PDB file of N, CA and C in Angstrom:
ATOM      1  N   UNK A   1     241.057  50.804 150.658  1.00  0.00           N
ATOM      2  CA  UNK A   1     240.514  50.206 149.449  1.00  0.00           C
ATOM      3  C   UNK A   1     241.336  50.705 148.252  1.00  0.00           C
ATOM      4  N   UNK A   2     241.822  49.778 147.402  1.00  0.00           N
ATOM      5  CA  UNK A   2     242.620  50.207 146.246  1.00  0.00           C
ATOM      6  C   UNK A   2     241.775  50.920 145.196  1.00  0.00           C
ATOM      7  N   UNK A   3     242.433  51.833 144.497  1.00  0.00           N
ATOM      8  CA  UNK A   3     241.778  52.574 143.418  1.00  0.00           C
ATOM      9  C   UNK A   3     241.463  51.611 142.271  1.00  0.00           C
ATOM     10  N   UNK A   4     240.261  51.688 141.689  1.00  0.00           N
ATOM     11  CA  UNK A   4     239.931  50.820 140.555  1.00  0.00           C
ATOM     12  C   UNK A   4     240.883  51.067 139.378  1.00  0.00           C
ATOM     13  N   UNK A   5     241.217  50.001 138.682  1.00  0.00           N
ATOM     14  CA  UNK A   5     242.099  50.089 137.520  1.00  0.00           C
ATOM     15  C   UNK A   5     241.285  50.419 136.278  1.00  0.00           C
ATOM     16  N   UNK A   6     241.769  51.341 135.476  1.00  0.00           N
ATOM     17  CA  UNK A   6     241.092  51.663 134.214  1.00  0.00           C
ATOM     18  C   UNK A   6     241.428  50.588 133.179  1.00  0.00           C
ATOM     19  N   UNK A   7     240.655  50.551 132.106  1.00  0.00           N
ATOM     20  CA  UNK A   7     240.930  49.601 131.022  1.00  0.00           C
ATOM     21  C   UNK A   7     242.325  49.819 130.453  1.00  0.00           C
ATOM     22  N   UNK A   8     242.694  51.070 130.266  1.00  0.00           N
ATOM     23  CA  UNK A   8     244.008  51.391 129.707  1.00  0.00           C
ATOM     24  C   UNK A   8     245.131  50.942 130.642  1.00  0.00           C
ATOM     25  N   UNK A   9     244.948  51.166 131.925  1.00  0.00           N
ATOM     26  CA  UNK A   9     245.954  50.729 132.894  1.00  0.00           C
ATOM     27  C   UNK A   9     246.096  49.211 132.899  1.00  0.00           C
ATOM     28  N   UNK A  10     244.985  48.518 132.812  1.00  0.00           N
ATOM     29  CA  UNK A  10     245.004  47.053 132.781  1.00  0.00           C
ATOM     30  C   UNK A  10     245.737  46.551 131.542  1.00  0.00           C
ATOM     31  N   UNK A  11     245.402  47.109 130.398  1.00  0.00           N
ATOM     32  CA  UNK A  11     246.039  46.708 129.143  1.00  0.00           C
ATOM     33  C   UNK A  11     247.534  47.040 129.150  1.00  0.00           C
ATOM     34  N   UNK A  12     247.878  48.203 129.663  1.00  0.00           N
ATOM     35  CA  UNK A  12     249.284  48.593 129.764  1.00  0.00           C
ATOM     36  C   UNK A  12     250.044  47.621 130.661  1.00  0.00           C
ATOM     37  N   UNK A  13     249.437  47.224 131.739  1.00  0.00           N
ATOM     38  CA  UNK A  13     250.055  46.264 132.663  1.00  0.00           C
ATOM     39  C   UNK A  13     250.341  44.939 131.954  1.00  0.00           C
ATOM     40  N   UNK A  14     249.365  44.438 131.220  1.00  0.00           N
ATOM     41  CA  UNK A  14     249.538  43.176 130.489  1.00  0.00           C
ATOM     42  C   UNK A  14     250.614  43.312 129.419  1.00  0.00           C
ATOM     43  N   UNK A  15     250.548  44.386 128.658  1.00  0.00           N
ATOM     44  CA  UNK A  15     251.450  44.564 127.516  1.00  0.00           C
ATOM     45  C   UNK A  15     252.881  44.920 127.942  1.00  0.00           C
ATOM     46  N   UNK A  16     253.049  45.478 129.125  1.00  0.00           N
ATOM     47  CA  UNK A  16     254.361  45.961 129.536  1.00  0.00           C
ATOM     48  C   UNK A  16     255.064  45.056 130.546  1.00  0.00           C
ATOM     49  N   UNK A  17     254.295  44.483 131.465  1.00  0.00           N
ATOM     50  CA  UNK A  17     254.929  43.804 132.595  1.00  0.00           C
ATOM     51  C   UNK A  17     254.658  42.303 132.668  1.00  0.00           C
ATOM     52  N   UNK A  18     254.130  41.705 131.630  1.00  0.00           N
ATOM     53  CA  UNK A  18     253.868  40.269 131.655  1.00  0.00           C
ATOM     54  C   UNK A  18     255.174  39.487 131.725  1.00  0.00           C
ATOM     55  N   UNK A  19     255.158  38.400 132.441  1.00  0.00           N
ATOM     56  CA  UNK A  19     256.354  37.552 132.505  1.00  0.00           C
ATOM     57  C   UNK A  19     256.634  36.888 131.163  1.00  0.00           C
ATOM     58  N   UNK A  20     255.656  36.957 130.253  1.00  0.00           N
ATOM     59  CA  UNK A  20     255.823  36.367 128.925  1.00  0.00           C
ATOM     60  C   UNK A  20     256.347  37.372 127.903  1.00  0.00           C
ATOM     61  N   UNK A  21     256.579  38.586 128.330  1.00  0.00           N
ATOM     62  CA  UNK A  21     257.170  39.602 127.463  1.00  0.00           C
ATOM     63  C   UNK A  21     256.384  39.848 126.187  1.00  0.00           C
ATOM     64  N   UNK A  22     257.104  39.843 125.065  1.00  0.00           N
ATOM     65  CA  UNK A  22     256.494  40.151 123.766  1.00  0.00           C
ATOM     66  C   UNK A  22     255.423  39.145 123.377  1.00  0.00           C
ATOM     67  N   UNK A  23     255.496  37.922 123.896  1.00  0.00           N
ATOM     68  CA  UNK A  23     254.469  36.920 123.601  1.00  0.00           C
ATOM     69  C   UNK A  23     253.106  37.386 124.116  1.00  0.00           C
ATOM     70  N   UNK A  24     253.078  38.043 125.262  1.00  0.00           N
ATOM     71  CA  UNK A  24     251.821  38.581 125.797  1.00  0.00           C
ATOM     72  C   UNK A  24     251.270  39.657 124.876  1.00  0.00           C
ATOM     73  N   UNK A  25     252.142  40.487 124.332  1.00  0.00           N
ATOM     74  CA  UNK A  25     251.704  41.518 123.396  1.00  0.00           C
ATOM     75  C   UNK A  25     251.113  40.891 122.145  1.00  0.00           C
ATOM     76  N   UNK A  26     251.765  39.861 121.621  1.00  0.00           N
ATOM     77  CA  UNK A  26     251.255  39.168 120.433  1.00  0.00           C
ATOM     78  C   UNK A  26     249.903  38.531 120.726  1.00  0.00           C
ATOM     79  N   UNK A  27     249.757  37.954 121.916  1.00  0.00           N
ATOM     80  CA  UNK A  27     248.496  37.328 122.303  1.00  0.00           C
ATOM     81  C   UNK A  27     247.363  38.348 122.337  1.00  0.00           C
ATOM     82  N   UNK A  28     247.607  39.484 122.976  1.00  0.00           N
ATOM     83  CA  UNK A  28     246.583  40.528 123.084  1.00  0.00           C
ATOM     84  C   UNK A  28     246.185  41.036 121.704  1.00  0.00           C
ATOM     85  N   UNK A  29     247.149  41.301 120.856  1.00  0.00           N
ATOM     86  CA  UNK A  29     246.855  41.813 119.515  1.00  0.00           C
ATOM     87  C   UNK A  29     246.111  40.777 118.676  1.00  0.00           C
ATOM     88  N   UNK A  30     246.488  39.501 118.786  1.00  0.00           N
ATOM     89  CA  UNK A  30     245.812  38.435 118.055  1.00  0.00           C
ATOM     90  C   UNK A  30     244.365  38.295 118.524  1.00  0.00           C
ATOM     91  N   UNK A  31     244.164  38.301 119.835  1.00  0.00           N
ATOM     92  CA  UNK A  31     242.813  38.176 120.387  1.00  0.00           C
ATOM     93  C   UNK A  31     241.940  39.350 119.960  1.00  0.00           C
ATOM     94  N   UNK A  32     242.477  40.549 120.018  1.00  0.00           N
ATOM     95  CA  UNK A  32     241.738  41.744 119.615  1.00  0.00           C
ATOM     96  C   UNK A  32     241.361  41.682 118.143  1.00  0.00           C
ATOM     97  N   UNK A  33     242.303  41.289 117.315  1.00  0.00           N
ATOM     98  CA  UNK A  33     242.066  41.189 115.875  1.00  0.00           C
ATOM     99  C   UNK A  33     240.989  40.157 115.551  1.00  0.00           C
ATOM    100  N   UNK A  34     241.066  38.998 116.186  1.00  0.00           N
ATOM    101  CA  UNK A  34     240.087  37.933 115.923  1.00  0.00           C
ATOM    102  C   UNK A  34     238.692  38.320 116.411  1.00  0.00           C
ATOM    103  N   UNK A  35     238.616  38.940 117.577  1.00  0.00           N
ATOM    104  CA  UNK A  35     237.309  39.349 118.099  1.00  0.00           C
ATOM    105  C   UNK A  35     236.703  40.440 117.215  1.00  0.00           C
ATOM    106  N   UNK A  36     237.519  41.394 116.798  1.00  0.00           N
ATOM    107  CA  UNK A  36     237.030  42.463 115.920  1.00  0.00           C
ATOM    108  C   UNK A  36     236.515  41.884 114.604  1.00  0.00           C
ATOM    109  N   UNK A  37     237.209  40.908 114.059  1.00  0.00           N
ATOM    110  CA  UNK A  37     236.777  40.269 112.807  1.00  0.00           C
ATOM    111  C   UNK A  37     235.420  39.585 112.986  1.00  0.00           C
ATOM    112  N   UNK A  38     235.241  38.887 114.111  1.00  0.00           N
ATOM    113  CA  UNK A  38     233.947  38.222 114.373  1.00  0.00           C
ATOM    114  C   UNK A  38     232.817  39.241 114.485  1.00  0.00           C
ATOM    115  N   UNK A  39     233.063  40.331 115.187  1.00  0.00           N
ATOM    116  CA  UNK A  39     232.036  41.363 115.350  1.00  0.00           C
ATOM    117  C   UNK A  39     231.749  42.045 114.017  1.00  0.00           C
ATOM    118  N   UNK A  40     232.784  42.378 113.272  1.00  0.00           N
ATOM    119  CA  UNK A  40     232.633  43.102 112.004  1.00  0.00           C
ATOM    120  C   UNK A  40     231.867  42.297 110.970  1.00  0.00           C
ATOM    121  N   UNK A  41     232.002  40.981 110.996  1.00  0.00           N
ATOM    122  CA  UNK A  41     231.384  40.143 109.966  1.00  0.00           C
ATOM    123  C   UNK A  41     230.104  39.449 110.427  1.00  0.00           C
ATOM    124  N   UNK A  42     229.733  39.629 111.668  1.00  0.00           N
ATOM    125  CA  UNK A  42     228.508  39.001 112.175  1.00  0.00           C
ATOM    126  C   UNK A  42     227.286  39.653 111.538  1.00  0.00           C
ATOM    127  N   UNK A  43     226.262  38.859 111.224  1.00  0.00           N
ATOM    128  CA  UNK A  43     225.020  39.461 110.739  1.00  0.00           C
ATOM    129  C   UNK A  43     224.458  40.398 111.819  1.00  0.00           C
ATOM    130  N   UNK A  44     224.043  41.580 111.409  1.00  0.00           N
ATOM    131  CA  UNK A  44     223.588  42.588 112.366  1.00  0.00           C
ATOM    132  C   UNK A  44     222.447  42.078 113.239  1.00  0.00           C
ATOM    133  N   UNK A  45     221.513  41.338 112.658  1.00  0.00           N
ATOM    134  CA  UNK A  45     220.384  40.846 113.457  1.00  0.00           C
ATOM    135  C   UNK A  45     220.846  39.879 114.548  1.00  0.00           C
ATOM    136  N   UNK A  46     221.840  39.062 114.268  1.00  0.00           N
ATOM    137  CA  UNK A  46     222.366  38.128 115.277  1.00  0.00           C
ATOM    138  C   UNK A  46     223.099  38.894 116.375  1.00  0.00           C
ATOM    139  N   UNK A  47     223.826  39.917 115.977  1.00  0.00           N
ATOM    140  CA  UNK A  47     224.543  40.735 116.947  1.00  0.00           C
ATOM    141  C   UNK A  47     223.556  41.484 117.847  1.00  0.00           C
ATOM    142  N   UNK A  48     222.500  42.028 117.252  1.00  0.00           N
ATOM    143  CA  UNK A  48     221.474  42.727 118.032  1.00  0.00           C
ATOM    144  C   UNK A  48     220.801  41.772 119.013  1.00  0.00           C
ATOM    145  N   UNK A  49     220.583  40.544 118.579  1.00  0.00           N
ATOM    146  CA  UNK A  49     219.982  39.522 119.446  1.00  0.00           C
ATOM    147  C   UNK A  49     220.883  39.262 120.657  1.00  0.00           C
ATOM    148  N   UNK A  50     222.180  39.187 120.422  1.00  0.00           N
ATOM    149  CA  UNK A  50     223.131  38.950 121.509  1.00  0.00           C
ATOM    150  C   UNK A  50     223.211  40.144 122.459  1.00  0.00           C
ATOM    151  N   UNK A  51     223.039  41.352 121.932  1.00  0.00           N
ATOM    152  CA  UNK A  51     223.135  42.562 122.745  1.00  0.00           C
ATOM    153  C   UNK A  51     221.912  42.760 123.637  1.00  0.00           C
ATOM    154  N   UNK A  52     220.791  42.177 123.268  1.00  0.00           N
ATOM    155  CA  UNK A  52     219.591  42.304 124.071  1.00  0.00           C
ATOM    156  C   UNK A  52     218.747  43.511 123.700  1.00  0.00           C
ATOM    157  N   UNK A  53     217.713  43.741 124.489  1.00  0.00           N
ATOM    158  CA  UNK A  53     216.697  44.741 124.175  1.00  0.00           C
ATOM    159  C   UNK A  53     217.195  46.179 124.324  1.00  0.00           C
ATOM    160  N   UNK A  54     217.870  46.484 125.403  1.00  0.00           N
ATOM    161  CA  UNK A  54     218.317  47.861 125.663  1.00  0.00           C
ATOM    162  C   UNK A  54     219.820  47.884 125.944  1.00  0.00           C
ATOM    163  N   UNK A  55     220.632  47.682 124.920  1.00  0.00           N
ATOM    164  CA  UNK A  55     222.077  47.655 125.162  1.00  0.00           C
ATOM    165  C   UNK A  55     222.629  49.045 125.478  1.00  0.00           C
ATOM    166  N   UNK A  56     223.689  49.066 126.233  1.00  0.00           N
ATOM    167  CA  UNK A  56     224.367  50.322 126.546  1.00  0.00           C
ATOM    168  C   UNK A  56     224.960  50.926 125.275  1.00  0.00           C
ATOM    169  N   UNK A  57     225.462  50.064 124.390  1.00  0.00           N
ATOM    170  CA  UNK A  57     226.031  50.478 123.105  1.00  0.00           C
ATOM    171  C   UNK A  57     225.316  49.699 122.016  1.00  0.00           C
ATOM    172  N   UNK A  58     224.920  50.364 120.947  1.00  0.00           N
ATOM    173  CA  UNK A  58     224.177  49.682 119.885  1.00  0.00           C
ATOM    174  C   UNK A  58     225.076  48.705 119.133  1.00  0.00           C
ATOM    175  N   UNK A  59     224.462  47.679 118.587  1.00  0.00           N
ATOM    176  CA  UNK A  59     225.186  46.694 117.787  1.00  0.00           C
ATOM    177  C   UNK A  59     225.818  47.356 116.567  1.00  0.00           C
ATOM    178  N   UNK A  60     225.136  48.337 115.999  1.00  0.00           N
ATOM    179  CA  UNK A  60     225.677  49.050 114.834  1.00  0.00           C
ATOM    180  C   UNK A  60     226.973  49.779 115.193  1.00  0.00           C
ATOM    181  N   UNK A  61     226.965  50.465 116.325  1.00  0.00           N
ATOM    182  CA  UNK A  61     228.163  51.187 116.765  1.00  0.00           C
ATOM    183  C   UNK A  61     229.299  50.210 117.055  1.00  0.00           C
ATOM    184  N   UNK A  62     228.963  49.089 117.657  1.00  0.00           N
ATOM    185  CA  UNK A  62     229.966  48.076 117.980  1.00  0.00           C
ATOM    186  C   UNK A  62     230.610  47.544 116.701  1.00  0.00           C
ATOM    187  N   UNK A  63     229.783  47.308 115.683  1.00  0.00           N
ATOM    188  CA  UNK A  63     230.309  46.843 114.400  1.00  0.00           C
ATOM    189  C   UNK A  63     231.166  47.917 113.736  1.00  0.00           C
ATOM    190  N   UNK A  64     230.733  49.157 113.809  1.00  0.00           N
ATOM    191  CA  UNK A  64     231.510  50.250 113.210  1.00  0.00           C
ATOM    192  C   UNK A  64     232.913  50.320 113.818  1.00  0.00           C
ATOM    193  N   UNK A  65     233.005  50.173 115.125  1.00  0.00           N
ATOM    194  CA  UNK A  65     234.307  50.198 115.791  1.00  0.00           C
ATOM    195  C   UNK A  65     235.145  48.994 115.362  1.00  0.00           C
ATOM    196  N   UNK A  66     234.512  47.841 115.251  1.00  0.00           N
ATOM    197  CA  UNK A  66     235.233  46.619 114.865  1.00  0.00           C
ATOM    198  C   UNK A  66     235.778  46.706 113.447  1.00  0.00           C
ATOM    199  N   UNK A  67     235.060  47.427 112.604  1.00  0.00           N
ATOM    200  CA  UNK A  67     235.492  47.560 111.203  1.00  0.00           C
ATOM    201  C   UNK A  67     236.616  48.556 111.089  1.00  0.00           C
TER     202      UNK A  67
END
């Protein structure tokens, strides 16, 4: 059974070894930036609603990281 890949290993694989080269890096950075902007600017109550009753990470913490 193969060893599970960590998030960092997965991201490094995409950013370093993609057949699309630097375009893959630009894609990842653009996607990250856009998602962070959506999270950072979302109304907290809507974000909490999406996270559910007992989230592993609070909506407030998620927004703080996005900001």
